[in-house]
Amino acid sequence: MTVVVAARKPMKGIKDVFYETRVLLGREYTLRRFVDEVLGKSVDPVMLGYIEKGKRFPSEALVRRLAVVRKQDAHELLAILWRDRMIHAFGRELKKVLQTPRAPTGVDDADLAVLLSQGIAALPDDGGWVSADEWRKTLKASPRRRPRTKVPEALVKQVEKVLKERDLIETRSRKVRKKARHFVAEGQAEKQALALEFCALFAKSLLDKLALVDKETHTYLRDHYFHIDADRLPEFQKRLDEAVRELAEEFAGDADNPFLNVLISSTTI
């Protein structure tokens, strides 16, 4: 059984880090000027454009150079690069497994799973009603997105539709409230999105413990190994589910608090 607990800060991709660094220097910093004056002509402007769009990965040397510019520990940025490459590789293999025309093409394909979890977490735990417009606005401004871009309206509507269908939220007179917090993926598209989100979470947690061992990342990662009677497996997993649900309900706070993801995988080997 693997237990992963990771406090959710906005999970920026390495593309977002490059874009954010350039934009924060000012609007006059074009790709070419940023390359010439900041990155020491260590990358072609066209390639930098591909990197910012998530179509190419930067080299580790380029990431280290960017870390110097940002006055940041290089391992923090390298951990993001390594995580992105892991997710990309996982997505590529997932495409082969699913054998579906619509296959994951990058980290952003996990947006559906992320928004579903954030949509639930953004609502009061006491079942109180809040403005549906404000709730949707929160979803559109997801911190996963790069600056100045918003979540597409179609994706927000899809999230709302799914949460209603699963009886996790209720809307009435331009208001919305939470009815439950535990989402179970159904259908290939949802399972695919959730698989990528799980991969991102596990990769982040693993790298937190390996690459950022000296940092306070608020990540808990444990393995438990034991033999168990096959007839008792359903009972064990049921009680495990009940225990995690109880903890989630007890410790859940409001949307102003850090977002916590808990991934539990229990399997026989």
Protein backbone atom coordinates (compact mmCIF):
# COMPACT_ATOMS: atom_id res chain seq x y z
CA MET A 1 0.00 0.00 0.00
CA THR A 2 1.35 3.39 -0.98
CA VAL A 3 0.18 6.51 0.79
CA VAL A 4 1.01 9.90 -0.69
CA VAL A 5 -0.03 13.18 0.85
CA ALA A 6 1.03 16.39 -0.85
CA ALA A 7 0.03 19.94 0.00
CA ARG A 8 -1.15 21.56 -3.21
CA LYS A 9 0.55 24.70 -4.27
CA PRO A 10 -0.33 25.63 -7.84
CA MET A 11 1.47 22.92 -9.85
CA LYS A 12 3.21 25.06 -12.43
CA GLY A 13 4.89 23.37 -15.33
CA ILE A 14 8.39 24.28 -16.42
CA LYS A 15 6.83 26.10 -19.40
CA ASP A 16 4.96 28.35 -16.98
CA VAL A 17 8.16 29.12 -15.06
CA PHE A 18 9.94 30.30 -18.22
CA TYR A 19 6.94 32.35 -19.38
CA GLU A 20 6.38 33.86 -15.93
CA THR A 21 10.04 34.87 -15.58
CA ARG A 22 10.07 36.67 -18.92
CA VAL A 23 6.70 38.41 -18.43
CA LEU A 24 7.59 39.66 -14.96
CA LEU A 25 10.60 41.47 -16.41
CA GLY A 26 8.24 43.65 -18.44
CA ARG A 27 6.24 43.69 -21.66
CA GLU A 28 9.22 44.92 -23.63
CA TYR A 29 11.01 41.60 -23.08
CA THR A 30 10.29 39.72 -26.28
CA LEU A 31 11.50 36.18 -26.74
CA ARG A 32 14.58 37.42 -28.58
CA ARG A 33 15.47 40.12 -26.04
CA PHE A 34 15.00 37.67 -23.16
CA VAL A 35 17.29 35.18 -24.87
CA ASP A 36 19.93 37.79 -25.72
CA GLU A 37 20.01 39.82 -22.51
CA VAL A 38 18.92 37.36 -19.82
CA LEU A 39 19.73 33.85 -21.01
CA GLY A 40 23.02 34.77 -22.65
CA LYS A 41 21.95 33.48 -26.08
CA SER A 42 22.01 29.95 -24.68
CA VAL A 43 18.84 28.99 -26.55
CA ASP A 44 17.25 29.97 -29.85
CA PRO A 45 14.24 32.36 -29.49
CA VAL A 46 12.10 29.98 -31.54
CA MET A 47 12.97 27.11 -29.21
CA LEU A 48 12.17 29.28 -26.18
CA GLY A 49 8.75 29.91 -27.73
CA TYR A 50 8.23 26.16 -28.02
CA ILE A 51 9.30 25.73 -24.39
CA GLU A 52 6.85 28.37 -23.16
CA LYS A 53 4.03 26.66 -25.08
CA GLY A 54 4.90 23.26 -23.64
CA LYS A 55 5.88 21.82 -27.04
CA ARG A 56 9.50 21.21 -26.04
CA PHE A 57 11.36 20.58 -22.81
CA PRO A 58 14.32 22.78 -21.91
CA SER A 59 17.70 21.24 -21.21
CA GLU A 60 18.77 20.91 -17.60
CA ALA A 61 21.59 23.38 -18.27
CA LEU A 62 19.06 25.97 -19.45
CA VAL A 63 16.92 25.38 -16.37
CA ARG A 64 19.96 25.93 -14.15
CA ARG A 65 20.67 29.20 -15.96
CA LEU A 66 17.07 30.29 -15.39
CA ALA A 67 17.42 29.44 -11.70
CA VAL A 68 20.34 31.86 -11.48
CA VAL A 69 18.21 34.57 -13.08
CA ARG A 70 15.39 33.90 -10.61
CA LYS A 71 17.84 33.61 -7.69
CA GLN A 72 16.25 30.27 -6.89
CA ASP A 73 17.59 26.86 -5.92
CA ALA A 74 18.18 25.05 -9.23
CA HIS A 75 16.89 21.78 -7.76
CA GLU A 76 13.47 23.34 -7.23
CA LEU A 77 13.17 24.11 -10.94
CA LEU A 78 14.79 20.86 -12.01
CA ALA A 79 12.22 18.96 -9.93
CA ILE A 80 9.47 20.65 -11.97
CA LEU A 81 11.23 19.70 -15.22
CA TRP A 82 11.69 16.08 -14.10
CA ARG A 83 8.04 15.87 -13.03
CA ASP A 84 6.85 17.24 -16.37
CA ARG A 85 8.99 14.75 -18.29
CA MET A 86 7.63 11.88 -16.17
CA ILE A 87 4.04 12.94 -16.85
CA HIS A 88 4.76 13.31 -20.56
CA ALA A 89 6.21 9.80 -20.69
CA PHE A 90 3.30 8.42 -18.66
CA GLY A 91 0.83 10.12 -20.97
CA ARG A 92 2.53 8.66 -24.03
CA GLU A 93 2.30 5.15 -22.60
CA LEU A 94 -1.27 5.74 -21.45
CA LYS A 95 -2.16 6.51 -25.05
CA LYS A 96 -0.95 3.07 -26.08
CA VAL A 97 -2.89 1.39 -23.28
CA LEU A 98 -6.17 3.14 -23.98
CA GLN A 99 -5.88 2.94 -27.79
CA THR A 100 -8.15 5.93 -28.16
CA PRO A 101 -8.13 8.72 -30.76
CA ARG A 102 -8.16 11.37 -28.06
CA ALA A 103 -4.97 10.71 -26.16
CA PRO A 104 -3.19 12.84 -23.61
CA THR A 105 -0.75 15.24 -25.22
CA GLY A 106 0.70 16.94 -22.20
CA VAL A 107 0.41 18.01 -18.59
CA ASP A 108 -2.65 20.20 -19.23
CA ASP A 109 -4.80 17.14 -19.98
CA ALA A 110 -5.05 16.65 -16.22
CA ASP A 111 -7.03 19.90 -15.94
CA LEU A 112 -10.37 18.09 -15.80
CA ALA A 113 -9.41 16.04 -12.75
CA VAL A 114 -7.84 19.07 -11.07
CA LEU A 115 -10.89 21.27 -11.64
CA LEU A 116 -13.26 18.59 -10.38
CA SER A 117 -11.36 18.36 -7.10
CA GLN A 118 -10.96 22.13 -6.81
CA GLY A 119 -14.62 22.68 -7.63
CA ILE A 120 -15.63 20.54 -4.68
CA ALA A 121 -13.01 21.96 -2.32
CA ALA A 122 -14.00 25.57 -3.13
CA LEU A 123 -17.47 25.13 -1.60
CA PRO A 124 -18.34 25.42 2.13
CA ASP A 125 -18.16 22.18 4.09
CA ASP A 126 -21.31 23.01 6.05
CA GLY A 127 -23.46 22.74 2.93
CA GLY A 128 -24.06 26.47 2.82
CA TRP A 129 -25.08 28.18 -0.41
CA VAL A 130 -22.69 30.50 -2.26
CA SER A 131 -22.97 32.52 -5.44
CA ALA A 132 -22.72 30.24 -8.47
CA ASP A 133 -21.17 33.07 -10.49
CA GLU A 134 -18.40 33.56 -7.93
CA TRP A 135 -17.80 29.81 -7.74
CA ARG A 136 -17.49 29.57 -11.53
CA LYS A 137 -15.18 32.58 -11.52
CA THR A 138 -12.92 30.72 -9.07
CA LEU A 139 -12.75 27.76 -11.43
CA LYS A 140 -11.99 29.95 -14.45
CA ALA A 141 -9.05 31.53 -12.62
CA SER A 142 -7.41 28.20 -11.77
CA PRO A 143 -3.86 28.79 -10.44
CA ARG A 144 -2.57 25.98 -12.68
CA ARG A 145 -2.97 28.25 -15.66
CA ARG A 146 -0.21 30.58 -16.79
CA PRO A 147 -0.73 34.33 -16.12
CA ARG A 148 -3.47 36.15 -18.06
CA THR A 149 -5.15 32.97 -19.30
CA LYS A 150 -8.35 31.45 -18.00
CA VAL A 151 -9.91 28.02 -17.99
CA PRO A 152 -12.11 27.65 -21.10
CA GLU A 153 -15.84 28.17 -20.50
CA ALA A 154 -16.57 24.77 -22.04
CA LEU A 155 -14.34 23.03 -19.48
CA VAL A 156 -16.00 24.87 -16.58
CA LYS A 157 -19.43 23.79 -17.87
CA GLN A 158 -18.20 20.21 -18.19
CA VAL A 159 -16.96 20.24 -14.59
CA GLU A 160 -20.28 21.63 -13.32
CA LYS A 161 -22.24 19.06 -15.33
CA VAL A 162 -20.20 16.14 -13.99
CA LEU A 163 -20.48 17.32 -10.37
CA LYS A 164 -24.25 17.67 -10.73
CA GLU A 165 -24.64 14.26 -12.34
CA ARG A 166 -22.71 12.61 -9.48
CA ASP A 167 -24.85 14.46 -6.95
CA LEU A 168 -21.77 16.18 -5.49
CA ILE A 169 -23.17 19.69 -5.86
CA GLU A 170 -26.59 21.30 -6.10
CA THR A 171 -27.51 24.56 -7.83
CA ARG A 172 -30.57 26.71 -7.22
CA SER A 173 -31.43 30.32 -8.07
CA ARG A 174 -27.87 31.24 -9.10
CA LYS A 175 -26.45 29.61 -5.99
CA VAL A 176 -24.49 26.43 -5.48
CA ARG A 177 -23.65 24.22 -2.52
CA LYS A 178 -21.64 21.08 -1.80
CA LYS A 179 -23.46 17.81 -1.18
CA ALA A 180 -20.42 15.50 -0.98
CA ARG A 181 -16.66 15.69 -1.53
CA HIS A 182 -15.62 12.27 -2.84
CA PHE A 183 -15.38 11.99 -6.63
CA VAL A 184 -15.09 8.65 -8.42
CA ALA A 185 -14.07 8.80 -12.09
CA GLU A 186 -16.39 7.16 -14.61
CA GLY A 187 -15.88 6.70 -18.31
CA GLN A 188 -12.64 6.70 -20.27
CA ALA A 189 -12.14 10.48 -20.49
CA GLU A 190 -12.48 11.00 -16.74
CA LYS A 191 -10.32 8.01 -15.88
CA GLN A 192 -7.69 9.21 -18.32
CA ALA A 193 -7.66 12.70 -16.80
CA LEU A 194 -7.54 11.27 -13.29
CA ALA A 195 -4.71 8.93 -14.21
CA LEU A 196 -2.61 11.89 -15.37
CA GLU A 197 -3.45 13.82 -12.21
CA PHE A 198 -2.43 10.84 -10.06
CA CYS A 199 0.82 10.57 -12.02
CA ALA A 200 1.51 14.28 -11.47
CA LEU A 201 0.80 13.98 -7.76
CA PHE A 202 2.96 10.91 -7.28
CA ALA A 203 5.81 12.35 -9.36
CA LYS A 204 5.75 15.56 -7.34
CA SER A 205 5.70 13.63 -4.06
CA LEU A 206 8.52 11.34 -5.14
CA LEU A 207 10.70 14.26 -6.27
CA ASP A 208 9.89 16.20 -3.10
CA LYS A 209 11.46 13.34 -1.15
CA LEU A 210 14.38 12.73 -3.52
CA ALA A 211 15.35 16.07 -5.06
CA LEU A 212 14.04 18.49 -2.43
CA VAL A 213 14.88 16.50 0.66
CA ASP A 214 16.16 19.61 2.47
CA LYS A 215 13.02 21.64 1.69
CA GLU A 216 9.80 21.76 3.70
CA THR A 217 7.41 20.55 1.00
CA HIS A 218 4.65 19.27 3.34
CA THR A 219 4.71 15.93 1.51
CA TYR A 220 4.15 12.63 3.28
CA LEU A 221 5.21 9.47 1.44
CA ARG A 222 5.07 5.98 2.96
CA ASP A 223 4.94 2.34 1.85
CA HIS A 224 3.45 -0.47 3.95
CA TYR A 225 4.08 -4.11 3.11
CA PHE A 226 2.30 -7.08 4.67
CA HIS A 227 0.66 -10.42 3.85
CA ILE A 228 -3.11 -10.54 4.04
CA ASP A 229 -5.76 -13.20 3.61
CA ALA A 230 -7.33 -12.70 0.15
CA ASP A 231 -10.79 -13.11 1.66
CA ARG A 232 -10.15 -10.09 3.93
CA LEU A 233 -8.99 -7.75 1.15
CA PRO A 234 -12.46 -6.27 0.50
CA GLU A 235 -12.91 -5.60 4.23
CA PHE A 236 -9.46 -3.98 4.52
CA GLN A 237 -10.00 -1.70 1.54
CA LYS A 238 -13.48 -0.74 2.75
CA ARG A 239 -12.13 0.23 6.18
CA LEU A 240 -9.21 2.08 4.59
CA ASP A 241 -11.68 4.08 2.49
CA GLU A 242 -13.83 4.85 5.54
CA ALA A 243 -10.80 5.98 7.57
CA VAL A 244 -9.57 8.34 4.84
CA ARG A 245 -13.05 9.79 4.32
CA GLU A 246 -13.38 10.40 8.05
CA LEU A 247 -10.02 12.19 8.18
CA ALA A 248 -10.93 14.29 5.14
CA GLU A 249 -14.20 15.39 6.71
CA GLU A 250 -12.55 16.14 10.07
CA PHE A 251 -9.65 18.24 8.75
CA ALA A 252 -11.30 19.96 5.78
CA GLY A 253 -11.02 23.75 5.96
CA ASP A 254 -12.21 26.59 3.77
CA ALA A 255 -10.85 27.66 0.38
CA ASP A 256 -8.39 30.12 1.96
CA ASN A 257 -6.31 27.24 3.31
CA PRO A 258 -3.72 25.22 1.37
CA PHE A 259 -5.17 22.56 -0.95
CA LEU A 260 -4.20 19.01 0.04
CA ASN A 261 -4.19 16.01 -2.30
CA VAL A 262 -4.17 12.50 -0.82
CA LEU A 263 -3.43 9.59 -3.15
CA ILE A 264 -3.77 6.04 -1.78
CA SER A 265 -2.93 2.98 -3.83
CA SER A 266 -3.43 -0.49 -2.36
CA THR A 267 -2.53 -3.42 -4.60
CA THR A 268 -1.24 -6.98 -4.42
CA ILE A 269 2.14 -7.89 -5.91
